[in-house]
Amino acid sequence: MINIRKLEAELWESADLLRAGSKLTSNQYCMPVLGLIFLRYAYSRFKMVEAEILKNRPSRRGRVMPVEASDFAAKSALFLPKEAQYDYLLNLPDDIASAGFVNRDGQTMTSLGEVVNNAMALIEEQSDQLIGVLPKSYTDFSDELLSELLRIFNNSALDEVGGDIIGRIYEYFLNKFAKNIASDDGVFFTPKSLVKMIVNIIEPKSGILLDPACGSGGMFIQSGDFVNQSGMNANSAMTFYGQEKVEYNAQLCLMNMAVHGLTGVIKSGDEANSFYHDAHNLDGCCDYVMANPPFNVDKVKAESCESAKRLPFGMPSVNKNKEVGNGNYLWISYFYSYLNEKGRAGFVMASSATDGQGKDKDIRRELGETGHVDVMISVGNNFFYTKSLPCSLWFFDKNKNEAIKDKALFIDARNYYTVVDRTLNEWSEWQLKNLNAIVWLYRGETEKYTALLDEYCQKMILICRC
């Protein structure tokens, strides 16, 4: 099992080198380091897909046909030109200036920083959604420093860590270097096990998926994996839309999606502030909505929210300054409003939202009366990587079967978890399946439950044989 803490400590060492060897602020050097993590992770996935392509590759005159960009496109994977592959960058000569390398524009390159910048530009040419996204400020650093960073990130552990690795390491950097960003407006990275629980209960198959607080894109990554594992192609079956106010996070989302072979439309900045804008005009259009919105945001402009609509149950409480003092029920209303007539939503929410009073209580009552509240799961402390607070997972379903139309399932999982270390808990793969089984039985999907029991039996047989 990968020691993620050890891996992060090694990545911290690299960031510390970057900090010591440059005059950049923490915000400025965070993205270049993540760019190198992106290159390493992209190369790992490139080699994996390349091996799959070469398995049944035709040959001519005894020579296997070389792989091409179109082969990777067919597998919804990111193609890396030779000059953008991590091994190529790692094994460059010390004296770049005398090697005669030229960039994509035919200009001679004289530093390792220029070569890395060129690699980023070549990758952007392979993916429209990456144009202008990848960092290209590596000439700010000496060749010696960059070479050492490339060596440090040549870590085999990155090949073995699945899921939203870029997002998790990104948060680690924010927590170490830029706590003012990490805690801004209640924003924090969504742990993999919570994302997987949401995806497993929502069960995305095809259609429009929106995450209006998409961060580094973990919901998209897990949804794409879920669809692909069902035998479909996620890019063909799904259309991914995201909104993310923090442009830094939106860049990471696009990088994360690209390295996982997913395409999507992600908007960022002021126009993507979901409190005030439906940036993709998707009200009432979504098959799936998934999100981990910032909790307990205050001072939200009430008039701007009303103008943006998406409030089927009316406004939450507004103070004398014409502000919403807590934005939780704005998010809850928005998520419901985005759904089409058969849509499903799953999202993380502050535990306090389950018993909010005043207008929040009225909205919660009206939600219950719709019959579309499906499942609610109480989650204990220490699931978040940088926060210790508990939370709840909420699920809506506008297409519930008749047997449960007027019912909702409540699961208290506050004492159900696996301890990772002193400050972090998670759900293991089997714990996720156990929780999912409760949902299947509630929905009357007994065949899925039976299949899980068979899986348990097969596993026990294997254990006994050992």
Protein backbone atom coordinates (compact mmCIF):
# COMPACT_ATOMS: atom_id res chain seq x y z
CA MET A 1 0.00 0.00 0.00
CA ILE A 2 1.33 3.42 -0.94
CA ASN A 3 2.42 5.62 1.94
CA ILE A 4 0.77 8.79 0.70
CA ARG A 5 2.21 10.83 3.56
CA LYS A 6 5.75 9.79 2.60
CA LEU A 7 5.05 10.67 -1.02
CA GLU A 8 3.78 14.10 -0.03
CA ALA A 9 6.85 14.69 2.13
CA GLU A 10 9.03 14.01 -0.90
CA LEU A 11 6.98 16.38 -3.00
CA TRP A 12 7.30 18.94 -0.23
CA GLU A 13 11.06 18.64 -0.54
CA SER A 14 10.82 19.56 -4.20
CA ALA A 15 8.60 22.54 -3.50
CA ASP A 16 10.99 23.70 -0.83
CA LEU A 17 13.79 23.60 -3.39
CA LEU A 18 11.70 25.68 -5.75
CA ARG A 19 10.93 28.19 -3.00
CA ALA A 20 14.58 28.50 -1.97
CA GLY A 21 15.82 28.86 -5.52
CA SER A 22 13.39 31.48 -6.75
CA LYS A 23 11.89 34.81 -5.78
CA LEU A 24 8.34 33.73 -6.45
CA THR A 25 5.55 33.84 -3.91
CA SER A 26 3.89 30.62 -2.74
CA ASN A 27 0.97 31.22 -5.10
CA GLN A 28 3.33 31.65 -8.04
CA TYR A 29 5.48 28.60 -7.45
CA CYS A 30 2.63 26.27 -6.55
CA MET A 31 1.43 26.00 -10.15
CA PRO A 32 4.85 25.30 -11.74
CA VAL A 33 5.41 22.44 -9.29
CA LEU A 34 1.96 21.06 -10.05
CA GLY A 35 2.82 21.39 -13.73
CA LEU A 36 5.74 19.02 -13.19
CA ILE A 37 3.49 16.61 -11.27
CA PHE A 38 1.10 16.82 -14.22
CA LEU A 39 3.92 15.94 -16.64
CA ARG A 40 4.98 12.95 -14.55
CA TYR A 41 1.45 11.68 -14.03
CA ALA A 42 0.55 12.22 -17.69
CA TYR A 43 3.62 10.23 -18.73
CA SER A 44 2.66 7.36 -16.42
CA ARG A 45 -0.80 7.16 -17.98
CA PHE A 46 0.67 7.60 -21.47
CA LYS A 47 2.88 4.53 -20.99
CA MET A 48 -0.04 2.51 -19.65
CA VAL A 49 -2.26 3.31 -22.66
CA GLU A 50 0.65 2.81 -25.06
CA ALA A 51 1.13 -0.71 -23.70
CA GLU A 52 -2.57 -1.44 -24.31
CA ILE A 53 -2.32 -0.16 -27.89
CA LEU A 54 0.80 -2.22 -28.62
CA LYS A 55 -0.80 -5.49 -27.43
CA ASN A 56 -2.57 -6.07 -30.74
CA ARG A 57 -0.54 -3.72 -32.91
CA PRO A 58 -0.11 -4.82 -36.56
CA SER A 59 3.41 -5.10 -37.95
CA ARG A 60 4.95 -4.63 -41.36
CA ARG A 61 8.06 -6.49 -42.44
CA GLY A 62 8.63 -7.57 -38.88
CA ARG A 63 8.34 -4.06 -37.42
CA VAL A 64 5.49 -3.02 -35.16
CA MET A 65 3.62 0.03 -36.44
CA PRO A 66 4.43 3.08 -34.28
CA VAL A 67 1.66 4.52 -32.11
CA GLU A 68 0.08 7.79 -33.20
CA ALA A 69 -1.99 10.53 -31.63
CA SER A 70 -5.14 9.10 -33.25
CA ASP A 71 -4.64 5.81 -31.37
CA PHE A 72 -4.73 7.67 -28.07
CA ALA A 73 -7.73 9.74 -29.13
CA ALA A 74 -9.62 6.49 -29.82
CA LYS A 75 -9.02 5.51 -26.20
CA SER A 76 -9.87 8.98 -24.84
CA ALA A 77 -6.29 9.35 -23.63
CA LEU A 78 -3.81 12.22 -23.82
CA PHE A 79 -1.05 11.74 -26.40
CA LEU A 80 2.41 13.03 -25.48
CA PRO A 81 4.85 13.97 -28.25
CA LYS A 82 8.38 12.68 -27.64
CA GLU A 83 9.65 16.11 -26.52
CA ALA A 84 6.89 16.27 -23.87
CA GLN A 85 7.53 12.84 -22.35
CA TYR A 86 8.96 12.80 -18.86
CA ASP A 87 11.80 10.40 -19.64
CA TYR A 88 12.92 12.63 -22.49
CA LEU A 89 13.11 15.64 -20.19
CA LEU A 90 14.78 13.65 -17.45
CA ASN A 91 17.61 12.46 -19.70
CA LEU A 92 18.51 15.70 -21.48
CA PRO A 93 22.21 16.69 -21.56
CA ASP A 94 23.48 19.15 -18.97
CA ASP A 95 24.46 21.71 -21.57
CA ILE A 96 21.18 22.58 -23.32
CA ALA A 97 22.67 25.57 -25.13
CA SER A 98 25.18 23.47 -27.10
CA ALA A 99 22.73 20.65 -27.91
CA GLY A 100 20.96 22.62 -30.66
CA PHE A 101 17.39 21.87 -29.55
CA VAL A 102 14.66 23.88 -31.31
CA ASN A 103 11.16 24.57 -30.05
CA ARG A 104 7.84 24.14 -31.84
CA ASP A 105 8.36 27.52 -33.55
CA GLY A 106 11.80 26.56 -34.86
CA GLN A 107 13.72 28.73 -32.39
CA THR A 108 16.87 27.45 -30.71
CA MET A 109 16.47 26.70 -27.00
CA THR A 110 19.29 27.54 -24.61
CA SER A 111 17.95 26.43 -21.21
CA LEU A 112 16.09 23.56 -19.59
CA GLY A 113 13.33 26.00 -18.67
CA GLU A 114 12.72 26.68 -22.36
CA VAL A 115 12.59 22.94 -23.06
CA VAL A 116 10.00 22.38 -20.31
CA ASN A 117 7.98 25.38 -21.54
CA ASN A 118 8.08 23.86 -25.02
CA ALA A 119 6.87 20.52 -23.62
CA MET A 120 3.87 22.27 -22.06
CA ALA A 121 3.08 24.03 -25.35
CA LEU A 122 3.29 20.73 -27.26
CA ILE A 123 0.84 19.11 -24.85
CA GLU A 124 -1.58 22.03 -25.22
CA GLU A 125 -1.60 21.33 -28.96
CA GLN A 126 -2.99 17.87 -28.21
CA SER A 127 -5.99 19.12 -26.24
CA ASP A 128 -8.11 22.18 -26.98
CA GLN A 129 -9.23 22.40 -23.36
CA LEU A 130 -5.62 22.78 -22.20
CA ILE A 131 -4.77 25.74 -24.43
CA GLY A 132 -3.45 28.53 -22.21
CA VAL A 133 -3.85 26.40 -19.06
CA LEU A 134 -0.48 24.74 -18.44
CA PRO A 135 2.26 26.74 -16.68
CA LYS A 136 5.09 28.03 -18.89
CA SER A 137 7.22 30.03 -16.47
CA TYR A 138 10.06 27.55 -16.10
CA THR A 139 12.68 29.96 -17.41
CA ASP A 140 12.36 31.69 -14.05
CA PHE A 141 14.41 28.83 -12.57
CA SER A 142 17.97 27.70 -13.12
CA ASP A 143 18.71 24.55 -15.12
CA GLU A 144 20.21 22.95 -12.00
CA LEU A 145 17.06 23.55 -9.97
CA LEU A 146 14.71 22.27 -12.68
CA SER A 147 16.85 19.20 -13.25
CA GLU A 148 16.70 18.40 -9.55
CA LEU A 149 12.93 18.89 -9.49
CA LEU A 150 12.51 16.53 -12.45
CA ARG A 151 14.59 13.94 -10.61
CA ILE A 152 12.54 14.25 -7.42
CA PHE A 153 9.25 13.88 -9.27
CA ASN A 154 10.51 10.77 -11.05
CA ASN A 155 8.82 8.79 -8.29
CA SER A 156 7.31 5.39 -9.09
CA ALA A 157 4.67 5.91 -6.38
CA LEU A 158 2.89 8.33 -8.70
CA ASP A 159 2.24 5.37 -11.01
CA GLU A 160 0.40 3.52 -8.26
CA VAL A 161 -1.78 6.23 -6.69
CA GLY A 162 -5.16 6.38 -8.40
CA GLY A 163 -8.00 8.88 -8.38
CA ASP A 164 -7.65 12.62 -8.04
CA ILE A 165 -3.93 12.67 -7.27
CA ILE A 166 -3.37 16.16 -8.66
CA GLY A 167 -6.16 17.55 -6.49
CA ARG A 168 -4.94 15.87 -3.34
CA ILE A 169 -1.33 17.00 -3.79
CA TYR A 170 -2.57 20.44 -4.76
CA GLU A 171 -4.35 20.74 -1.43
CA TYR A 172 -1.24 19.56 0.37
CA PHE A 173 0.68 22.45 -1.21
CA LEU A 174 -2.05 24.91 -0.33
CA ASN A 175 -2.09 23.69 3.24
CA LYS A 176 1.70 24.01 3.54
CA PHE A 177 2.29 27.24 1.66
CA ALA A 178 -0.91 29.16 1.22
CA LYS A 179 -3.32 28.50 4.05
CA ASN A 180 -5.10 31.72 3.22
CA ILE A 181 -6.22 30.12 -0.05
CA ALA A 182 -6.89 26.67 1.40
CA SER A 183 -9.39 28.05 3.89
CA ASP A 184 -10.84 30.78 1.73
CA ASP A 185 -14.65 30.71 1.78
CA GLY A 186 -14.72 27.21 3.25
CA VAL A 187 -13.12 25.62 0.18
CA PHE A 188 -11.33 22.31 0.67
CA PHE A 189 -10.49 19.24 -1.40
CA THR A 190 -13.02 16.40 -1.48
CA PRO A 191 -11.48 13.08 -0.36
CA LYS A 192 -11.66 10.19 -2.78
CA SER A 193 -13.88 7.95 -0.64
CA LEU A 194 -16.61 10.61 -0.33
CA VAL A 195 -16.50 11.25 -4.08
CA LYS A 196 -16.73 7.52 -4.81
CA MET A 197 -19.71 7.18 -2.47
CA ILE A 198 -21.53 9.97 -4.29
CA VAL A 199 -20.76 8.49 -7.71
CA ASN A 200 -21.74 4.95 -6.62
CA ILE A 201 -25.15 6.13 -5.40
CA ILE A 202 -25.80 8.52 -8.31
CA GLU A 203 -24.72 5.86 -10.86
CA PRO A 204 -24.02 8.15 -13.85
CA LYS A 205 -24.64 6.44 -17.17
CA SER A 206 -25.20 9.04 -19.86
CA GLY A 207 -26.23 12.66 -20.23
CA ILE A 208 -25.24 15.99 -18.72
CA LEU A 209 -23.22 16.13 -15.50
CA LEU A 210 -22.69 19.47 -13.76
CA ASP A 211 -20.41 20.29 -10.86
CA PRO A 212 -21.01 23.98 -10.03
CA ALA A 213 -18.16 24.00 -7.48
CA CYS A 214 -15.81 21.70 -9.35
CA GLY A 215 -12.46 22.47 -7.71
CA SER A 216 -9.81 20.18 -9.17
CA GLY A 217 -12.37 17.94 -10.89
CA GLY A 218 -12.55 14.88 -8.63
CA MET A 219 -16.27 14.33 -9.34
CA PHE A 220 -15.58 14.23 -13.08
CA ILE A 221 -12.67 11.80 -12.69
CA GLN A 222 -14.60 9.29 -10.57
CA SER A 223 -17.70 9.61 -12.77
CA GLY A 224 -15.60 8.98 -15.86
CA ASP A 225 -14.10 5.87 -14.24
CA PHE A 226 -17.59 4.63 -13.27
CA VAL A 227 -18.91 5.02 -16.82
CA ASN A 228 -15.82 3.48 -18.42
CA GLN A 229 -15.95 0.49 -16.07
CA SER A 230 -19.53 -0.17 -17.18
CA GLY A 231 -18.24 -0.72 -20.71
CA MET A 232 -19.14 2.66 -22.16
CA ASN A 233 -16.91 5.54 -23.20
CA ALA A 234 -17.27 8.42 -20.76
CA ASN A 235 -16.58 11.14 -23.33
CA SER A 236 -19.22 9.70 -25.65
CA ALA A 237 -21.82 8.98 -22.98
CA MET A 238 -21.39 12.06 -20.78
CA THR A 239 -21.09 15.81 -21.19
CA PHE A 240 -19.14 17.36 -18.31
CA TYR A 241 -19.76 20.96 -17.22
CA GLY A 242 -18.04 22.74 -14.36
CA GLN A 243 -17.99 26.11 -12.64
CA GLU A 244 -15.14 27.19 -10.38
CA LYS A 245 -14.70 30.70 -9.04
CA VAL A 246 -11.00 30.22 -8.24
CA GLU A 247 -9.10 30.24 -11.54
CA TYR A 248 -6.21 28.30 -10.01
CA ASN A 249 -8.59 25.43 -9.24
CA ALA A 250 -10.13 25.55 -12.72
CA GLN A 251 -6.68 25.15 -14.29
CA LEU A 252 -6.08 22.12 -12.11
CA CYS A 253 -9.47 20.71 -13.09
CA LEU A 254 -8.63 20.95 -16.78
CA MET A 255 -5.20 19.41 -16.20
CA ASN A 256 -6.75 16.62 -14.15
CA MET A 257 -9.41 15.86 -16.75
CA ALA A 258 -6.91 15.90 -19.60
CA VAL A 259 -4.55 13.48 -17.93
CA HIS A 260 -7.51 11.12 -17.39
CA GLY A 261 -8.61 11.47 -21.02
CA LEU A 262 -11.79 13.41 -20.25
CA THR A 263 -13.11 16.48 -22.03
CA GLY A 264 -15.37 19.08 -20.47
CA VAL A 265 -16.42 22.70 -20.44
CA ILE A 266 -15.09 24.46 -17.35
CA LYS A 267 -15.73 28.13 -16.65
CA SER A 268 -13.88 30.12 -14.01
CA GLY A 269 -13.60 33.57 -12.48
CA ASP A 270 -16.43 35.95 -11.64
CA GLU A 271 -18.74 34.56 -14.33
CA ALA A 272 -18.43 31.15 -12.67
CA ASN A 273 -19.46 32.29 -9.18
CA SER A 274 -22.36 29.86 -8.79
CA PHE A 275 -24.09 31.99 -6.19
CA TYR A 276 -24.81 34.60 -8.86
CA HIS A 277 -24.42 32.87 -12.23
CA ASP A 278 -25.72 29.84 -14.08
CA ALA A 279 -22.68 30.03 -16.37
CA HIS A 280 -23.73 27.20 -18.68
CA ASN A 281 -27.50 27.96 -18.72
CA LEU A 282 -28.27 24.48 -17.38
CA ASP A 283 -31.18 25.25 -15.03
CA GLY A 284 -33.57 22.29 -15.35
CA CYS A 285 -31.31 20.51 -17.85
CA CYS A 286 -28.99 18.22 -15.90
CA ASP A 287 -29.16 14.46 -15.61
CA TYR A 288 -26.65 14.56 -12.76
CA VAL A 289 -25.39 17.20 -10.34
CA MET A 290 -22.46 16.46 -8.03
CA ALA A 291 -20.58 18.91 -5.83
CA ASN A 292 -18.70 19.67 -2.66
CA PRO A 293 -19.61 23.36 -2.26
CA PRO A 294 -17.93 25.68 0.23
CA PHE A 295 -19.73 25.38 3.58
CA ASN A 296 -21.41 28.14 5.58
CA VAL A 297 -20.49 31.03 3.27
CA ASP A 298 -21.81 34.35 4.58
CA LYS A 299 -22.38 37.83 3.12
CA VAL A 300 -23.92 36.49 -0.09
CA LYS A 301 -25.77 39.27 -1.92
CA ALA A 302 -29.44 38.38 -1.76
CA GLU A 303 -30.58 40.55 -4.69
CA SER A 304 -27.96 39.03 -6.99
CA CYS A 305 -29.12 35.55 -5.97
CA GLU A 306 -32.73 36.39 -6.72
CA SER A 307 -31.74 37.77 -10.11
CA ALA A 308 -29.87 34.54 -10.87
CA LYS A 309 -33.05 32.53 -10.06
CA ARG A 310 -32.67 28.73 -9.46
CA LEU A 311 -34.58 29.14 -6.17
CA PRO A 312 -37.65 26.88 -6.46
CA PHE A 313 -38.31 27.09 -2.71
CA GLY A 314 -37.60 30.78 -2.26
CA MET A 315 -34.74 32.63 -0.55
CA PRO A 316 -33.08 31.50 2.68
CA SER A 317 -33.00 34.02 5.53
CA VAL A 318 -31.80 37.52 4.55
CA ASN A 319 -30.36 39.98 7.09
CA LYS A 320 -30.78 43.76 7.32
CA ASN A 321 -27.80 44.23 4.98
CA LYS A 322 -29.68 42.30 2.30
CA GLU A 323 -27.26 39.41 2.62
CA VAL A 324 -27.75 35.68 3.03
CA GLY A 325 -25.96 34.86 6.28
CA ASN A 326 -25.35 31.22 5.36
CA GLY A 327 -25.19 30.00 1.77
CA ASN A 328 -25.81 26.31 2.43
CA TYR A 329 -29.47 26.38 1.40
CA LEU A 330 -28.67 28.45 -1.67
CA TRP A 331 -26.47 25.57 -2.84
CA ILE A 332 -29.12 22.99 -1.93
CA SER A 333 -31.76 24.89 -3.89
CA TYR A 334 -29.46 25.36 -6.88
CA PHE A 335 -28.61 21.66 -7.04
CA TYR A 336 -32.28 20.73 -7.04
CA SER A 337 -33.14 23.38 -9.62
CA TYR A 338 -30.47 22.20 -12.07
CA LEU A 339 -32.03 18.73 -12.34
CA ASN A 340 -34.25 17.73 -15.24
CA GLU A 341 -37.41 15.68 -14.66
CA LYS A 342 -35.42 12.46 -14.15
CA GLY A 343 -32.23 13.91 -12.69
CA ARG A 344 -30.17 12.81 -9.70
CA ALA A 345 -28.01 14.95 -7.42
CA GLY A 346 -25.40 14.01 -4.83
CA PHE A 347 -23.40 16.50 -2.81
CA VAL A 348 -21.42 17.10 0.37
CA MET A 349 -22.98 19.45 2.89
CA ALA A 350 -22.17 20.80 6.33
CA SER A 351 -23.81 18.71 9.04
CA SER A 352 -25.44 21.85 10.46
CA ALA A 353 -27.62 22.08 7.35
CA THR A 354 -29.66 19.06 8.41
CA ASP A 355 -31.29 20.97 11.26
CA GLY A 356 -31.08 24.61 10.16
CA GLN A 357 -33.94 26.75 11.43
CA GLY A 358 -36.03 29.65 10.07
CA LYS A 359 -36.27 29.84 6.26
CA ASP A 360 -33.80 26.95 5.98
CA LYS A 361 -36.28 24.73 7.82
CA ASP A 362 -39.09 25.83 5.47
CA ILE A 363 -36.97 24.97 2.43
CA ARG A 364 -36.07 21.60 3.93
CA ARG A 365 -39.75 20.84 4.56
CA GLU A 366 -40.71 21.75 0.99
CA LEU A 367 -37.87 19.61 -0.32
CA GLY A 368 -39.18 16.65 1.66
CA GLU A 369 -42.68 17.18 0.31
CA THR A 370 -41.46 16.87 -3.29
CA GLY A 371 -40.68 13.19 -2.67
CA HIS A 372 -37.34 13.68 -4.40
CA VAL A 373 -35.09 13.41 -1.33
CA ASP A 374 -33.53 9.98 -1.79
CA VAL A 375 -30.68 9.25 0.62
CA MET A 376 -28.83 11.10 3.38
CA ILE A 377 -25.62 9.81 4.97
CA SER A 378 -24.08 11.27 8.13
CA VAL A 379 -20.26 11.24 7.97
CA GLY A 380 -17.96 11.48 10.98
CA ASN A 381 -14.94 13.66 11.70
CA ASN A 382 -11.56 13.66 9.98
CA PHE A 383 -12.65 12.69 6.47
CA PHE A 384 -11.34 15.94 5.04
CA TYR A 385 -7.66 16.26 4.48
CA THR A 386 -7.22 19.63 6.19
CA LYS A 387 -10.43 19.91 8.24
CA SER A 388 -11.77 17.81 11.10
CA LEU A 389 -15.44 18.75 10.81
CA PRO A 390 -18.23 16.19 10.18
CA CYS A 391 -20.50 16.45 7.16
CA SER A 392 -23.47 14.84 5.43
CA LEU A 393 -23.99 13.45 1.94
CA TRP A 394 -27.31 14.46 0.40
CA PHE A 395 -28.96 12.75 -2.58
CA PHE A 396 -31.94 13.81 -4.69
CA ASP A 397 -33.69 11.63 -7.28
CA LYS A 398 -36.55 12.98 -9.37
CA ASN A 399 -37.19 9.53 -10.87
CA LYS A 400 -37.58 7.34 -7.78
CA ASN A 401 -39.54 4.12 -8.21
CA GLU A 402 -43.09 4.03 -6.87
CA ALA A 403 -42.25 1.82 -3.88
CA ILE A 404 -40.02 4.50 -2.33
CA LYS A 405 -41.58 7.64 -3.81
CA ASP A 406 -42.63 8.93 -0.39
CA LYS A 407 -39.64 7.56 1.50
CA ALA A 408 -36.06 8.62 2.16
CA LEU A 409 -33.15 6.55 3.46
CA PHE A 410 -31.08 7.92 6.35
CA ILE A 411 -27.76 6.23 7.17
CA ASP A 412 -25.77 7.13 10.27
CA ALA A 413 -22.18 6.30 9.28
CA ARG A 414 -20.48 8.61 11.78
CA ASN A 415 -18.77 5.67 13.50
CA TYR A 416 -18.09 3.68 10.34
CA TYR A 417 -14.67 4.31 8.82
CA THR A 418 -11.10 3.13 8.42
CA VAL A 419 -8.37 5.04 10.24
CA VAL A 420 -5.63 6.16 7.85
CA ASP A 421 -3.64 7.98 10.51
CA ARG A 422 -4.19 10.13 13.59
CA THR A 423 -5.91 12.94 11.68
CA LEU A 424 -7.47 11.20 8.68
CA ASN A 425 -10.28 8.67 8.19
CA GLU A 426 -11.75 7.17 5.03
CA TRP A 427 -14.06 4.44 3.76
CA SER A 428 -12.27 1.39 2.40
CA GLU A 429 -13.43 -0.21 -0.86
CA TRP A 430 -15.38 -2.82 1.10
CA GLN A 431 -16.95 -0.24 3.38
CA LEU A 432 -18.08 1.68 0.30
CA LYS A 433 -19.67 -1.49 -1.04
CA ASN A 434 -21.39 -2.20 2.28
CA LEU A 435 -22.94 1.27 2.36
CA ASN A 436 -23.91 0.92 -1.28
CA ALA A 437 -25.61 -2.40 -0.48
CA ILE A 438 -27.93 -0.66 2.00
CA VAL A 439 -28.96 1.76 -0.76
CA TRP A 440 -29.57 -1.10 -3.20
CA LEU A 441 -31.85 -2.89 -0.73
CA TYR A 442 -33.75 0.36 -0.06
CA ARG A 443 -34.25 0.78 -3.82
CA GLY A 444 -35.31 -2.85 -4.26
CA GLU A 445 -32.26 -3.65 -6.40
CA THR A 446 -31.76 -7.09 -4.87
CA GLU A 447 -29.80 -8.46 -7.83
CA LYS A 448 -26.95 -6.05 -7.08
CA TYR A 449 -27.01 -7.08 -3.43
CA THR A 450 -26.91 -10.76 -4.38
CA ALA A 451 -23.98 -10.12 -6.71
CA LEU A 452 -22.11 -8.47 -3.84
CA LEU A 453 -22.76 -11.47 -1.58
CA ASP A 454 -21.35 -13.71 -4.32
CA GLU A 455 -18.30 -11.47 -4.49
CA TYR A 456 -17.85 -11.80 -0.71
CA CYS A 457 -18.14 -15.58 -0.94
CA GLN A 458 -15.55 -15.78 -3.71
CA LYS A 459 -13.17 -13.64 -1.69
CA MET A 460 -13.64 -15.80 1.40
CA ILE A 461 -12.94 -18.96 -0.64
CA LEU A 462 -9.69 -17.45 -1.87
CA ILE A 463 -8.70 -16.46 1.67
CA CYS A 464 -9.41 -19.97 2.98
CA ARG A 465 -7.36 -21.56 0.18
CA CYS A 466 -4.42 -19.36 1.15
